[in-house]
C-alpha atoms as a PDB file:
ATOM      1  CA  MET A   1      -8.968 -24.619 -28.369  1.00  0.00           C
ATOM      2  CA  ARG A   2      -7.680 -28.188 -29.215  1.00  0.00           C
ATOM      3  CA  ALA A   3      -4.481 -28.371 -32.016  1.00  0.00           C
ATOM      4  CA  ILE A   4      -2.177 -30.870 -33.143  1.00  0.00           C
ATOM      5  CA  SER A   5       1.352 -30.216 -32.373  1.00  0.00           C
ATOM      6  CA  GLN A   6       4.695 -32.173 -32.200  1.00  0.00           C
ATOM      7  CA  ASP A   7       7.458 -32.151 -30.081  1.00  0.00           C
ATOM      8  CA  ARG A   8      10.321 -33.607 -32.291  1.00  0.00           C
ATOM      9  CA  PHE A   9      10.292 -34.740 -36.050  1.00  0.00           C
ATOM     10  CA  GLY A  10       9.618 -38.148 -37.436  1.00  0.00           C
ATOM     11  CA  GLY A  11       6.937 -40.087 -38.543  1.00  0.00           C
ATOM     12  CA  PRO A  12       3.261 -39.648 -37.875  1.00  0.00           C
ATOM     13  CA  GLU A  13       3.221 -41.086 -34.604  1.00  0.00           C
ATOM     14  CA  VAL A  14       4.929 -37.978 -33.410  1.00  0.00           C
ATOM     15  CA  LEU A  15       1.780 -35.811 -34.223  1.00  0.00           C
ATOM     16  CA  HIS A  16      -0.206 -35.586 -30.573  1.00  0.00           C
ATOM     17  CA  LEU A  17      -3.066 -33.522 -29.561  1.00  0.00           C
ATOM     18  CA  VAL A  18      -2.466 -30.608 -27.059  1.00  0.00           C
ATOM     19  CA  GLU A  19      -4.752 -27.552 -25.386  1.00  0.00           C
ATOM     20  CA  THR A  20      -3.328 -24.359 -26.459  1.00  0.00           C
ATOM     21  CA  LEU A  21      -4.079 -20.778 -26.040  1.00  0.00           C
ATOM     22  CA  LYS A  22      -6.554 -19.503 -28.457  1.00  0.00           C
ATOM     23  CA  PRO A  23      -4.940 -16.422 -31.052  1.00  0.00           C
ATOM     24  CA  GLN A  24      -5.987 -13.200 -30.952  1.00  0.00           C
ATOM     25  CA  PRO A  25      -6.233 -10.677 -34.322  1.00  0.00           C
ATOM     26  CA  LEU A  26      -3.616  -7.937 -34.868  1.00  0.00           C
ATOM     27  CA  PRO A  27      -4.836  -5.432 -36.868  1.00  0.00           C
ATOM     28  CA  THR A  28      -5.702  -5.965 -40.882  1.00  0.00           C
ATOM     29  CA  GLU A  29      -6.127  -9.602 -39.236  1.00  0.00           C
ATOM     30  CA  VAL A  30      -8.964 -11.837 -38.752  1.00  0.00           C
ATOM     31  CA  LEU A  31      -9.661 -14.593 -36.407  1.00  0.00           C
ATOM     32  CA  VAL A  32     -11.053 -17.935 -38.585  1.00  0.00           C
ATOM     33  CA  ARG A  33     -12.714 -20.580 -36.545  1.00  0.00           C
ATOM     34  CA  VAL A  34     -11.425 -23.358 -38.660  1.00  0.00           C
ATOM     35  CA  VAL A  35     -13.800 -25.950 -39.814  1.00  0.00           C
ATOM     36  CA  SER A  36     -11.544 -28.383 -42.036  1.00  0.00           C
ATOM     37  CA  ALA A  37      -8.195 -28.323 -42.812  1.00  0.00           C
ATOM     38  CA  GLY A  38      -6.427 -29.255 -45.904  1.00  0.00           C
ATOM     39  CA  VAL A  39      -3.401 -32.210 -45.775  1.00  0.00           C
ATOM     40  CA  ASN A  40      -0.753 -32.031 -48.311  1.00  0.00           C
ATOM     41  CA  PRO A  41       2.418 -33.618 -49.227  1.00  0.00           C
ATOM     42  CA  VAL A  42       4.732 -30.622 -47.929  1.00  0.00           C
ATOM     43  CA  ASP A  43       2.783 -31.657 -44.694  1.00  0.00           C
ATOM     44  CA  SER A  44       4.424 -34.602 -43.892  1.00  0.00           C
ATOM     45  CA  LYS A  45       7.975 -33.373 -45.211  1.00  0.00           C
ATOM     46  CA  THR A  46       7.925 -30.531 -42.727  1.00  0.00           C
ATOM     47  CA  ARG A  47       7.156 -33.383 -39.863  1.00  0.00           C
ATOM     48  CA  ALA A  48       9.745 -35.314 -40.639  1.00  0.00           C
ATOM     49  CA  GLY A  49      12.491 -32.314 -40.676  1.00  0.00           C
ATOM     50  CA  GLY A  50      12.281 -31.612 -43.997  1.00  0.00           C
ATOM     51  CA  GLY A  51       9.675 -29.464 -46.046  1.00  0.00           C
ATOM     52  CA  MET A  52       9.425 -26.085 -44.483  1.00  0.00           C
ATOM     53  CA  ALA A  53      10.838 -27.403 -41.216  1.00  0.00           C
ATOM     54  CA  GLY A  54      13.982 -24.565 -42.373  1.00  0.00           C
ATOM     55  CA  VAL A  55      11.646 -21.907 -42.167  1.00  0.00           C
ATOM     56  CA  LEU A  56       9.450 -23.078 -39.156  1.00  0.00           C
ATOM     57  CA  GLY A  57      12.780 -24.113 -37.041  1.00  0.00           C
ATOM     58  CA  LYS A  58      12.285 -26.588 -34.678  1.00  0.00           C
ATOM     59  CA  PRO A  59       9.394 -28.380 -33.054  1.00  0.00           C
ATOM     60  CA  PRO A  60       7.002 -27.721 -30.786  1.00  0.00           C
ATOM     61  CA  PHE A  61       4.914 -26.543 -33.841  1.00  0.00           C
ATOM     62  CA  THR A  62       1.807 -27.128 -35.453  1.00  0.00           C
ATOM     63  CA  LEU A  63       1.512 -28.034 -38.918  1.00  0.00           C
ATOM     64  CA  GLY A  64      -1.004 -26.983 -42.039  1.00  0.00           C
ATOM     65  CA  TRP A  65      -1.495 -24.043 -44.086  1.00  0.00           C
ATOM     66  CA  ASP A  66      -5.076 -25.248 -45.752  1.00  0.00           C
ATOM     67  CA  VAL A  67      -7.476 -23.297 -44.105  1.00  0.00           C
ATOM     68  CA  SER A  68     -11.701 -23.520 -44.648  1.00  0.00           C
ATOM     69  CA  GLY A  69     -13.498 -21.590 -41.941  1.00  0.00           C
ATOM     70  CA  VAL A  70     -16.073 -18.988 -40.381  1.00  0.00           C
ATOM     71  CA  VAL A  71     -14.649 -15.747 -39.485  1.00  0.00           C
ATOM     72  CA  GLU A  72     -15.459 -15.097 -36.091  1.00  0.00           C
ATOM     73  CA  GLU A  73     -12.996 -11.479 -35.061  1.00  0.00           C
ATOM     74  CA  ILE A  74     -12.030  -8.654 -37.137  1.00  0.00           C
ATOM     75  CA  GLY A  75      -8.869  -6.766 -36.432  1.00  0.00           C
ATOM     76  CA  PHE A  76      -8.816  -2.980 -36.750  1.00  0.00           C
ATOM     77  CA  GLY A  77      -8.259  -1.949 -40.657  1.00  0.00           C
ATOM     78  CA  VAL A  78      -9.916  -4.871 -42.206  1.00  0.00           C
ATOM     79  CA  HIS A  79     -12.793  -4.247 -45.274  1.00  0.00           C
ATOM     80  CA  THR A  80     -13.241  -6.590 -47.240  1.00  0.00           C
ATOM     81  CA  LEU A  81     -14.060  -9.659 -44.521  1.00  0.00           C
ATOM     82  CA  GLU A  82     -17.035  -9.197 -41.795  1.00  0.00           C
ATOM     83  CA  VAL A  83     -18.144 -11.431 -38.942  1.00  0.00           C
ATOM     84  CA  GLY A  84     -19.929 -14.721 -39.903  1.00  0.00           C
ATOM     85  CA  ASP A  85     -18.421 -15.110 -43.562  1.00  0.00           C
ATOM     86  CA  GLU A  86     -17.184 -18.274 -44.619  1.00  0.00           C
ATOM     87  CA  VAL A  87     -13.699 -18.197 -46.260  1.00  0.00           C
ATOM     88  CA  TYR A  88     -10.807 -20.422 -47.239  1.00  0.00           C
ATOM     89  CA  GLY A  89      -7.082 -19.738 -47.518  1.00  0.00           C
ATOM     90  CA  MET A  90      -3.377 -20.921 -47.370  1.00  0.00           C
ATOM     91  CA  PRO A  91      -2.415 -17.988 -45.111  1.00  0.00           C
ATOM     92  CA  TRP A  92       0.843 -17.216 -44.237  1.00  0.00           C
ATOM     93  CA  PHE A  93       2.968 -19.941 -46.358  1.00  0.00           C
ATOM     94  CA  PRO A  94       5.815 -20.734 -46.007  1.00  0.00           C
ATOM     95  CA  ARG A  95       5.858 -19.437 -42.203  1.00  0.00           C
ATOM     96  CA  ALA A  96       3.615 -21.164 -39.775  1.00  0.00           C
ATOM     97  CA  ALA A  97       0.420 -20.890 -39.959  1.00  0.00           C
ATOM     98  CA  ASN A  98      -1.397 -23.407 -37.250  1.00  0.00           C
ATOM     99  CA  ALA A  99      -4.047 -24.923 -39.208  1.00  0.00           C
ATOM    100  CA  TYR A 100      -4.144 -28.145 -37.361  1.00  0.00           C
ATOM    101  CA  ALA A 101      -5.900 -25.901 -35.006  1.00  0.00           C
ATOM    102  CA  GLU A 102      -9.417 -24.894 -33.805  1.00  0.00           C
ATOM    103  CA  TYR A 103      -8.496 -20.855 -34.465  1.00  0.00           C
ATOM    104  CA  VAL A 104      -6.267 -19.164 -36.890  1.00  0.00           C
ATOM    105  CA  THR A 105      -5.250 -15.628 -37.136  1.00  0.00           C
ATOM    106  CA  ALA A 106      -3.848 -14.386 -40.324  1.00  0.00           C
ATOM    107  CA  PRO A 107      -3.945 -11.033 -42.461  1.00  0.00           C
ATOM    108  CA  SER A 108      -7.645 -10.849 -43.841  1.00  0.00           C
ATOM    109  CA  ARG A 109      -6.395 -10.468 -47.722  1.00  0.00           C
ATOM    110  CA  GLN A 110      -4.696 -13.856 -47.691  1.00  0.00           C
ATOM    111  CA  PHE A 111      -8.314 -15.816 -47.370  1.00  0.00           C
ATOM    112  CA  ALA A 112     -10.972 -15.574 -49.999  1.00  0.00           C
ATOM    113  CA  ARG A 113     -15.008 -15.881 -49.569  1.00  0.00           C
ATOM    114  CA  LYS A 114     -15.428 -19.800 -49.721  1.00  0.00           C
ATOM    115  CA  PRO A 115     -17.141 -21.187 -52.965  1.00  0.00           C
ATOM    116  CA  GLY A 116     -20.872 -21.338 -51.886  1.00  0.00           C
ATOM    117  CA  SER A 117     -21.363 -25.060 -53.712  1.00  0.00           C
ATOM    118  CA  LEU A 118     -18.517 -26.688 -51.703  1.00  0.00           C
ATOM    119  CA  SER A 119     -18.622 -27.980 -47.831  1.00  0.00           C
ATOM    120  CA  HIS A 120     -15.815 -26.479 -45.567  1.00  0.00           C
ATOM    121  CA  ASP A 121     -13.951 -30.249 -46.497  1.00  0.00           C
ATOM    122  CA  GLU A 122     -14.002 -29.571 -50.130  1.00  0.00           C
ATOM    123  CA  ALA A 123     -12.799 -25.927 -49.637  1.00  0.00           C
ATOM    124  CA  ALA A 124     -10.414 -27.034 -47.284  1.00  0.00           C
ATOM    125  CA  ALA A 125      -8.618 -29.138 -50.096  1.00  0.00           C
ATOM    126  CA  VAL A 126      -8.293 -26.094 -52.603  1.00  0.00           C
ATOM    127  CA  PRO A 127      -6.016 -23.547 -51.449  1.00  0.00           C
ATOM    128  CA  LEU A 128      -2.382 -24.969 -51.753  1.00  0.00           C
ATOM    129  CA  ALA A 129      -3.231 -27.434 -54.326  1.00  0.00           C
ATOM    130  CA  ALA A 130      -5.058 -24.607 -56.396  1.00  0.00           C
ATOM    131  CA  LEU A 131      -2.698 -21.682 -55.802  1.00  0.00           C
ATOM    132  CA  THR A 132       0.093 -24.125 -56.584  1.00  0.00           C
ATOM    133  CA  ALA A 133      -1.657 -25.160 -59.953  1.00  0.00           C
ATOM    134  CA  TRP A 134      -2.719 -21.676 -61.178  1.00  0.00           C
ATOM    135  CA  GLN A 135       0.447 -19.872 -60.162  1.00  0.00           C
ATOM    136  CA  THR A 136       2.452 -22.397 -61.741  1.00  0.00           C
ATOM    137  CA  LEU A 137       0.232 -22.123 -64.987  1.00  0.00           C
ATOM    138  CA  VAL A 138      -0.666 -18.407 -65.254  1.00  0.00           C
ATOM    139  CA  ASP A 139       2.222 -16.660 -62.969  1.00  0.00           C
ATOM    140  CA  ALA A 140       5.409 -18.657 -64.153  1.00  0.00           C
ATOM    141  CA  ALA A 141       4.498 -20.467 -67.339  1.00  0.00           C
ATOM    142  CA  HIS A 142       2.304 -17.581 -69.060  1.00  0.00           C
ATOM    143  CA  VAL A 143       0.542 -20.886 -70.475  1.00  0.00           C
ATOM    144  CA  THR A 144      -1.941 -19.662 -73.432  1.00  0.00           C
ATOM    145  CA  ALA A 145      -4.514 -21.339 -75.868  1.00  0.00           C
ATOM    146  CA  GLY A 146      -3.115 -23.893 -77.957  1.00  0.00           C
ATOM    147  CA  GLN A 147       0.115 -24.465 -76.188  1.00  0.00           C
ATOM    148  CA  ARG A 148       0.232 -28.199 -75.210  1.00  0.00           C
ATOM    149  CA  VAL A 149       1.215 -28.726 -71.681  1.00  0.00           C
ATOM    150  CA  LEU A 150       2.331 -32.288 -69.362  1.00  0.00           C
ATOM    151  CA  VAL A 151       1.153 -32.520 -65.919  1.00  0.00           C
ATOM    152  CA  HIS A 152       3.095 -35.109 -63.873  1.00  0.00           C
ATOM    153  CA  ALA A 153       1.297 -36.737 -61.393  1.00  0.00           C
ATOM    154  CA  ALA A 154      -1.956 -35.733 -62.654  1.00  0.00           C
ATOM    155  CA  ALA A 155      -4.333 -37.312 -60.456  1.00  0.00           C
ATOM    156  CA  GLY A 156      -3.096 -35.886 -57.523  1.00  0.00           C
ATOM    157  CA  GLY A 157      -3.820 -32.803 -55.059  1.00  0.00           C
ATOM    158  CA  VAL A 158      -2.398 -30.078 -57.197  1.00  0.00           C
ATOM    159  CA  GLY A 159      -2.495 -32.330 -60.535  1.00  0.00           C
ATOM    160  CA  HIS A 160      -6.000 -32.385 -61.009  1.00  0.00           C
ATOM    161  CA  PHE A 161      -6.178 -28.926 -60.682  1.00  0.00           C
ATOM    162  CA  ALA A 162      -3.400 -28.311 -62.983  1.00  0.00           C
ATOM    163  CA  VAL A 163      -5.160 -30.160 -65.568  1.00  0.00           C
ATOM    164  CA  GLN A 164      -8.604 -28.344 -65.161  1.00  0.00           C
ATOM    165  CA  PHE A 165      -7.127 -25.303 -65.310  1.00  0.00           C
ATOM    166  CA  ALA A 166      -4.951 -25.753 -68.623  1.00  0.00           C
ATOM    167  CA  LYS A 167      -7.994 -26.636 -70.285  1.00  0.00           C
ATOM    168  CA  HIS A 168      -9.453 -23.405 -69.164  1.00  0.00           C
ATOM    169  CA  LEU A 169      -7.078 -21.780 -70.501  1.00  0.00           C
ATOM    170  CA  GLY A 170      -7.469 -23.058 -73.587  1.00  0.00           C
ATOM    171  CA  ALA A 171      -4.221 -25.542 -73.759  1.00  0.00           C
ATOM    172  CA  HIS A 172      -3.815 -29.192 -75.219  1.00  0.00           C
ATOM    173  CA  VAL A 173      -3.399 -31.245 -71.817  1.00  0.00           C
ATOM    174  CA  ILE A 174      -1.212 -34.657 -71.316  1.00  0.00           C
ATOM    175  CA  GLY A 175      -1.324 -36.203 -67.957  1.00  0.00           C
ATOM    176  CA  THR A 176       1.161 -38.460 -66.228  1.00  0.00           C
ATOM    177  CA  ALA A 177      -1.025 -41.455 -63.926  1.00  0.00           C
ATOM    178  CA  ARG A 178      -1.704 -44.820 -63.402  1.00  0.00           C
ATOM    179  CA  THR A 179      -4.596 -46.125 -65.656  1.00  0.00           C
ATOM    180  CA  ALA A 180      -7.219 -46.670 -63.193  1.00  0.00           C
ATOM    181  CA  LYS A 181      -7.352 -42.997 -62.881  1.00  0.00           C
ATOM    182  CA  HIS A 182      -7.411 -42.412 -66.431  1.00  0.00           C
ATOM    183  CA  ALA A 183     -11.389 -42.613 -66.958  1.00  0.00           C
ATOM    184  CA  TRP A 184     -11.316 -39.793 -64.061  1.00  0.00           C
ATOM    185  CA  LEU A 185      -9.028 -37.298 -65.358  1.00  0.00           C
ATOM    186  CA  ARG A 186     -10.381 -37.615 -69.257  1.00  0.00           C
ATOM    187  CA  GLY A 187     -13.588 -36.154 -67.425  1.00  0.00           C
ATOM    188  CA  LEU A 188     -11.601 -33.456 -65.862  1.00  0.00           C
ATOM    189  CA  GLY A 189     -10.124 -32.288 -69.220  1.00  0.00           C
ATOM    190  CA  ALA A 190      -7.324 -34.812 -69.988  1.00  0.00           C
ATOM    191  CA  ASP A 191      -6.695 -34.656 -73.547  1.00  0.00           C
ATOM    192  CA  GLU A 192      -3.882 -37.088 -73.573  1.00  0.00           C
ATOM    193  CA  LEU A 193      -3.169 -39.815 -70.616  1.00  0.00           C
ATOM    194  CA  ILE A 194       0.219 -41.825 -69.857  1.00  0.00           C
ATOM    195  CA  ASP A 195       0.648 -44.520 -67.655  1.00  0.00           C
ATOM    196  CA  TYR A 196       4.380 -43.802 -66.907  1.00  0.00           C
ATOM    197  CA  THR A 197       4.120 -47.551 -65.126  1.00  0.00           C
ATOM    198  CA  GLN A 198       3.624 -49.121 -68.642  1.00  0.00           C
ATOM    199  CA  VAL A 199       5.919 -46.754 -70.748  1.00  0.00           C
ATOM    200  CA  ARG A 200       8.614 -43.893 -70.280  1.00  0.00           C
ATOM    201  CA  PHE A 201       6.581 -40.708 -70.563  1.00  0.00           C
ATOM    202  CA  GLU A 202       9.269 -39.006 -72.750  1.00  0.00           C
ATOM    203  CA  GLU A 203       8.883 -41.475 -75.430  1.00  0.00           C
ATOM    204  CA  ALA A 204       4.869 -40.882 -75.342  1.00  0.00           C
ATOM    205  CA  ALA A 205       4.913 -36.946 -75.123  1.00  0.00           C
ATOM    206  CA  ARG A 206       6.587 -35.065 -77.580  1.00  0.00           C
ATOM    207  CA  GLU A 207       6.684 -31.474 -79.025  1.00  0.00           C
ATOM    208  CA  VAL A 208       5.792 -30.173 -75.183  1.00  0.00           C
ATOM    209  CA  ASP A 209       5.418 -26.283 -74.779  1.00  0.00           C
ATOM    210  CA  VAL A 210       5.328 -26.589 -70.658  1.00  0.00           C
ATOM    211  CA  VAL A 211       6.022 -29.079 -67.810  1.00  0.00           C
ATOM    212  CA  ILE A 212       4.395 -28.784 -64.391  1.00  0.00           C
ATOM    213  CA  ASP A 213       6.410 -31.118 -62.920  1.00  0.00           C
ATOM    214  CA  LEU A 214       4.655 -32.772 -59.312  1.00  0.00           C
ATOM    215  CA  VAL A 215       7.198 -35.433 -59.153  1.00  0.00           C
ATOM    216  CA  GLY A 216      10.820 -34.510 -59.070  1.00  0.00           C
ATOM    217  CA  ASP A 217      14.204 -35.839 -60.189  1.00  0.00           C
ATOM    218  CA  ALA A 218      14.133 -37.739 -57.133  1.00  0.00           C
ATOM    219  CA  HIS A 219      11.704 -40.042 -58.141  1.00  0.00           C
ATOM    220  CA  GLU A 220      13.036 -41.788 -61.475  1.00  0.00           C
ATOM    221  CA  ASP A 221      15.019 -38.388 -62.662  1.00  0.00           C
ATOM    222  CA  THR A 222      11.740 -37.566 -63.520  1.00  0.00           C
ATOM    223  CA  SER A 223      12.625 -33.713 -63.999  1.00  0.00           C
ATOM    224  CA  THR A 224      15.903 -34.469 -66.103  1.00  0.00           C
ATOM    225  CA  ARG A 225      13.928 -36.729 -68.350  1.00  0.00           C
ATOM    226  CA  SER A 226      11.004 -34.296 -68.835  1.00  0.00           C
ATOM    227  CA  LEU A 227      13.263 -31.902 -70.664  1.00  0.00           C
ATOM    228  CA  ASP A 228      13.129 -34.276 -73.580  1.00  0.00           C
ATOM    229  CA  THR A 229       9.632 -34.051 -74.257  1.00  0.00           C
ATOM    230  CA  LEU A 230      10.040 -29.917 -74.584  1.00  0.00           C
ATOM    231  CA  ARG A 231      10.164 -28.293 -77.866  1.00  0.00           C
ATOM    232  CA  PRO A 232      12.740 -25.615 -78.174  1.00  0.00           C
ATOM    233  CA  GLY A 233      12.112 -22.695 -75.734  1.00  0.00           C
ATOM    234  CA  GLY A 234       9.861 -24.455 -73.490  1.00  0.00           C
ATOM    235  CA  VAL A 235       9.865 -24.715 -70.001  1.00  0.00           C
ATOM    236  CA  ILE A 236       9.482 -26.885 -67.148  1.00  0.00           C
ATOM    237  CA  ILE A 237       8.248 -25.615 -63.970  1.00  0.00           C
ATOM    238  CA  ALA A 238       9.845 -27.578 -61.159  1.00  0.00           C
ATOM    239  CA  VAL A 239       7.785 -27.801 -57.936  1.00  0.00           C
ATOM    240  CA  PRO A 240       8.638 -30.615 -55.304  1.00  0.00           C
ATOM    241  CA  SER A 241      12.067 -29.737 -54.932  1.00  0.00           C
ATOM    242  CA  GLY A 242      13.286 -26.724 -57.051  1.00  0.00           C
ATOM    243  CA  ALA A 243      15.295 -26.730 -60.394  1.00  0.00           C
ATOM    244  CA  SER A 244      18.452 -27.934 -59.410  1.00  0.00           C
ATOM    245  CA  PRO A 245      21.664 -26.685 -60.515  1.00  0.00           C
ATOM    246  CA  GLU A 246      22.373 -29.332 -62.907  1.00  0.00           C
ATOM    247  CA  LEU A 247      18.791 -29.166 -64.347  1.00  0.00           C
ATOM    248  CA  LEU A 248      19.257 -25.439 -65.095  1.00  0.00           C
ATOM    249  CA  ASP A 249      22.367 -26.344 -66.649  1.00  0.00           C
ATOM    250  CA  ARG A 250      20.964 -28.901 -68.769  1.00  0.00           C
ATOM    251  CA  ALA A 251      18.135 -27.095 -69.639  1.00  0.00           C
ATOM    252  CA  ARG A 252      19.945 -24.127 -70.886  1.00  0.00           C
ATOM    253  CA  ALA A 253      22.342 -26.020 -72.776  1.00  0.00           C
ATOM    254  CA  ARG A 254      19.486 -27.441 -74.624  1.00  0.00           C
ATOM    255  CA  GLY A 255      17.638 -23.962 -75.273  1.00  0.00           C
ATOM    256  CA  LEU A 256      14.942 -24.670 -72.621  1.00  0.00           C
ATOM    257  CA  ARG A 257      13.821 -23.061 -69.482  1.00  0.00           C
ATOM    258  CA  ALA A 258      13.528 -24.865 -65.790  1.00  0.00           C
ATOM    259  CA  MET A 259      12.417 -22.753 -63.037  1.00  0.00           C
ATOM    260  CA  PRO A 260      12.196 -23.204 -59.375  1.00  0.00           C
ATOM    261  CA  PHE A 261       8.794 -22.638 -57.677  1.00  0.00           C
ATOM    262  CA  LEU A 262       7.083 -21.992 -54.795  1.00  0.00           C
ATOM    263  CA  VAL A 263       3.480 -20.995 -53.684  1.00  0.00           C
ATOM    264  CA  GLU A 264       2.311 -17.757 -52.117  1.00  0.00           C
ATOM    265  CA  PRO A 265      -0.560 -16.521 -50.359  1.00  0.00           C
ATOM    266  CA  ASP A 266      -3.097 -14.911 -52.941  1.00  0.00           C
ATOM    267  CA  GLY A 267      -6.449 -13.985 -51.870  1.00  0.00           C
ATOM    268  CA  ALA A 268      -7.534 -12.947 -55.179  1.00  0.00           C
ATOM    269  CA  ALA A 269      -6.241 -15.744 -57.296  1.00  0.00           C
ATOM    270  CA  LEU A 270      -8.590 -17.775 -55.029  1.00  0.00           C
ATOM    271  CA  THR A 271     -11.540 -15.580 -55.471  1.00  0.00           C
ATOM    272  CA  ARG A 272     -10.917 -16.383 -59.609  1.00  0.00           C
ATOM    273  CA  ILE A 273     -10.614 -19.987 -58.590  1.00  0.00           C
ATOM    274  CA  ALA A 274     -14.142 -19.842 -56.460  1.00  0.00           C
ATOM    275  CA  GLU A 275     -15.516 -18.321 -59.572  1.00  0.00           C
ATOM    276  CA  LEU A 276     -14.473 -21.251 -62.059  1.00  0.00           C
ATOM    277  CA  ILE A 277     -15.445 -23.598 -58.769  1.00  0.00           C
ATOM    278  CA  GLU A 278     -19.281 -22.011 -58.757  1.00  0.00           C
ATOM    279  CA  ALA A 279     -19.617 -22.140 -62.542  1.00  0.00           C
ATOM    280  CA  GLY A 280     -18.843 -25.495 -62.813  1.00  0.00           C
ATOM    281  CA  THR A 281     -15.677 -25.412 -64.569  1.00  0.00           C
ATOM    282  CA  VAL A 282     -13.445 -26.722 -62.255  1.00  0.00           C
ATOM    283  CA  ALA A 283     -14.183 -29.937 -59.445  1.00  0.00           C
ATOM    284  CA  VAL A 284     -12.969 -30.602 -56.253  1.00  0.00           C
ATOM    285  CA  GLU A 285     -11.511 -34.255 -55.392  1.00  0.00           C
ATOM    286  CA  VAL A 286     -11.498 -35.329 -51.866  1.00  0.00           C
ATOM    287  CA  GLU A 287     -10.599 -38.534 -50.989  1.00  0.00           C
ATOM    288  CA  GLU A 288     -10.730 -39.430 -47.611  1.00  0.00           C
ATOM    289  CA  VAL A 289     -11.622 -37.023 -44.815  1.00  0.00           C
ATOM    290  CA  PHE A 290     -10.178 -37.773 -40.826  1.00  0.00           C
ATOM    291  CA  PRO A 291     -10.983 -36.005 -37.495  1.00  0.00           C
ATOM    292  CA  LEU A 292      -8.664 -33.554 -36.070  1.00  0.00           C
ATOM    293  CA  ASP A 293      -7.576 -36.321 -33.492  1.00  0.00           C
ATOM    294  CA  GLN A 294      -6.587 -38.181 -36.094  1.00  0.00           C
ATOM    295  CA  ALA A 295      -3.597 -36.383 -38.025  1.00  0.00           C
ATOM    296  CA  ALA A 296      -1.228 -39.186 -37.722  1.00  0.00           C
ATOM    297  CA  GLU A 297      -3.327 -41.704 -39.149  1.00  0.00           C
ATOM    298  CA  ALA A 298      -4.168 -39.066 -42.552  1.00  0.00           C
ATOM    299  CA  HIS A 299      -0.168 -38.730 -42.471  1.00  0.00           C
ATOM    300  CA  ARG A 300       0.042 -42.589 -42.576  1.00  0.00           C
ATOM    301  CA  ARG A 301      -2.746 -42.350 -45.286  1.00  0.00           C
ATOM    302  CA  ALA A 302      -0.523 -39.513 -47.263  1.00  0.00           C
ATOM    303  CA  GLU A 303       2.452 -41.059 -47.417  1.00  0.00           C
ATOM    304  CA  GLN A 304       1.380 -43.962 -48.810  1.00  0.00           C
ATOM    305  CA  GLY A 305       1.175 -42.059 -52.098  1.00  0.00           C
ATOM    306  CA  ARG A 306      -1.650 -42.757 -55.047  1.00  0.00           C
ATOM    307  CA  THR A 307      -3.723 -40.211 -53.488  1.00  0.00           C
ATOM    308  CA  ARG A 308      -7.044 -39.002 -55.737  1.00  0.00           C
ATOM    309  CA  GLY A 309      -7.361 -35.518 -54.798  1.00  0.00           C
ATOM    310  CA  LYS A 310      -6.661 -34.549 -51.525  1.00  0.00           C
ATOM    311  CA  LEU A 311      -7.362 -35.576 -47.981  1.00  0.00           C
ATOM    312  CA  VAL A 312      -8.574 -33.256 -45.383  1.00  0.00           C
ATOM    313  CA  LEU A 313      -8.875 -33.004 -41.389  1.00  0.00           C
ATOM    314  CA  ARG A 314     -12.461 -32.243 -39.760  1.00  0.00           C
ATOM    315  CA  VAL A 315     -11.159 -29.995 -37.415  1.00  0.00           C
ATOM    316  CA  ALA A 316     -15.059 -29.023 -35.613  1.00  0.00           C
ATOM    317  CA  SER A 317     -16.015 -31.334 -33.976  1.00  0.00           C
END
């Protein structure tokens, strides 16, 4: 099968197309023919030696966790899926899923049936970003109706799902994004929007219950500054780089909570997310689709930032 591999850490240029062996499913696993694969910031970070490189180890390896495709074979003990089912998922994370390839194998319950209203390109944009948004809001922060939720990088892959899920949960949603994206985000349900290039967000957002921080302190101390937006007892979920000891200490001293976060595979949550997509409650935004052999170009585009929604690789030729 065709796959994208890298032999060393580095820039997008280290990604190249290879021919490799097609995997075989073990008991309780399925073999999925990949039609499309999502591109995420963690992919670029891992390629360069950060991200999940500590889990994957040294190259060579194949990147990617977002998958949308068709079940081609099932292993012994699989009862939830059948050959021919269209599925999507984020298998194995943070271990290698090898999604930038024509076939992947993984436990069947790490997949869910693809929303019928979505193309494979659109479905591949969902799993990692949507699961991150869902698990931060539902499982970590336990957001309830009437709470005020601040989403940083609201126009990004995770952010645009977080805005919609928070609105679905009944929250008052505040997002940070450039002005050009405000009208789109209002259409997704954002109640207030802050252009972080024009005003300091901690001066514009107050009495917040939950901050979903998708930026981190590496960019203008976003996590630390977010503490100023929280009301007593509020919580910040620090996604991209976790909650540093300094952030934890500062939050605790002010009667606040700071929580690190790492997304997990969750087929059951993907089934619920699919229901929201099918109901028209949640929309999926794909900015650009690249063929598999242009994975390096997709990474270059991702590293420019300012992406609206997600970038996707079309794996099936």
